[in-house]
Amino acid sequence: MKKISMIAALILFSVLTACSSKKEIHLKYNVEEKIESLDPANAVKESEELIISHIFEGLCRINEKGEVVSGAAESWQANQDNTEFTFTLRKNVQWSDKTPLTADDFVFGIQRALLPATKASKVEDLYIIKNAVAVHKGELEPEHLGITAVDEKTIRFTLEKSYADFPRLTAQTRYMPCNQEFFEETKGKYGLDVQNMLTNGPFTFLNRYAWENGSFVKLVKTKNYTGDFSPNATNLTINMYDKEVSQGPIQALSQGKTDVLKLSLSQKQEAEETGLKVVEIEDSVYGLLLNHEAKYLQDKTFREMLMKTIDRESLFSRLSQQKEEAKGLVPKSVRWLEKSYAEQSSVYYPAYEPNILNQLPALLRKNEWYEVPSVKILCRNDAYSQEIANGLIVFWNREFLTSFNLEVVEDDVFNSRLASGDYEAALYTLSTPDSTPNSFFRQFESDENFALMKNREFDLAMQGIQFDIESYQKLEEIIQEEYIFYPLCYETTSYAYSPQSDNITVTPDFGINFLRANKKN
């Protein structure tokens, strides 16, 4: 009996030791903006959408390879012409408070995002659903929307037109579920603090004090999550305005005070020299941005002249560093029906046209200018940007017989100047929030915080987006004909990891992904 008792004790000791030695994994990330709303229906900031992608789960998810995989839905089927999709929810799928997650929650979440009273922006991803535009305009009641809860576990979508890639859209922020009863109990405070939120993702809030505006959001692994993306990490903290990180980002990474950071060009060089792991994603196009609201550049003809006097071939030949020439506005990471949009679109940018200077006398008379106004190019403090800027100035000085100027500033000043509109021309990196064409083109709408362009025709075209490549090419054409952005080369966004972190992934969809992240021993 004693021998059996000793064996039992050893087994118990081994179990307890294994349990106690299970490592807790704490991840940290820093953002330079205030997180104001985590309501999927109207969150707009990059940091807000990043958190939402971790605390909510749509019917599908986009994995680290860019593939559409199961989220809250375990499966889905399409009809023969891809105008109807039926999703089946996982068994035992729950909200963070352990109440069942049902088909009605997805129906209500999507209906609510489209209601005019919600005042949600960035809802174009929903327009493919039958009657979505009419519901958003208040012309039809939400029950006419092409989405139905067949039963508690089954949701059926009817689309405006055939769209084989529809499951990819269901991973986007505006497709997230919302429990109607809980939402109504919040009385207008939904998504504004922990007490007024119900989540269904791999992470949820640590406790009722886990979100302090302007300071942090503290997340913890969701215990009752049943999907395929249960995280390795036990905790994830998003810090806002961490001075130690923002003032010394590379040192903060090296010391493990943050696990991953998006880098500027100068920071990338420092990170590589320090020996940190740096990854890049091709999610940007670098080019010349003209401020359509600047004094002299309000004249579209003048903007056109500036772009059509750029000798592209000569400009690239003088650069010491050669990058891949951009075919158009749209980054490589933007996809259309599982292929790169850039590969399916025609090459489009303003062609070199020196004869356009024949229109110069008329331009001067129309604006009562005695000479061609001088324009200053704002650029970051890196060699490539300065080479590009100097090349442009050489062309313009020669063609217009006016002294164009260059202003080189550090990254923080550059970002601040652009955000406030305090620039005439700038060498700008045009990125995309995710891999969908809607998200890329949406940033050109007039009501965006940083107004790249204000064009009524474009806004109307976005509101009636047709979900076909011809519609997107039309949008690209409108942008190009406004002569606000001249694409030069494809660019990457760089991220660096702390030496202690492992398996943090970065993708064009939702940016940083902590769901597979780990810590090294």
Foldseek 3Di string as FASTA:
>chain_A
DVVVVVVVVVVVVVVVVVVVPQDAFEAEAEDADWQFFLQLLAGDDLVSQLVNLFFAFFQWAQDLVRDTAGTQFNDKDAPPQQQKMKTFGDPLQAWLVSHRQFLVQLLVLLLLSLACVNVHPLNLLQQQFPCSLCRNVVNDHSVPTQWDRPDRGMIMTGTPGHANPNSHSRRHSSRTTHDVVLQVVVVPCARRALVSYITRHQKHFPDRPQDDTQFKHKIAGRPSHDDDLNFPHGIYMYTYCPVVCVVPVLVCLQVSVHFKDWDDPVVVVVNVVVPFDKDKDQFWFWFKFFQCPDDVNVDLLVLLQLFQLQPQVVLQVPDPDHFAWQQAGGTQLADAPRHGLSVVDGRDARHRDLVSCVCVVVVCVVVVNPFDDAFEEEEEPDDRQVSNRVSSQVSCCVSRVDRHYYDYDHPVVVVVCQLVVVHGMYGDIQGFQARHLLRSLSQCDCPHSRHSHYDPVLNVLSSVPDSDSVSSNVSRVVVNSSSRTGTTHGDIIMMTGRPQKDDFHAHRHSGTDNSHMDGDD
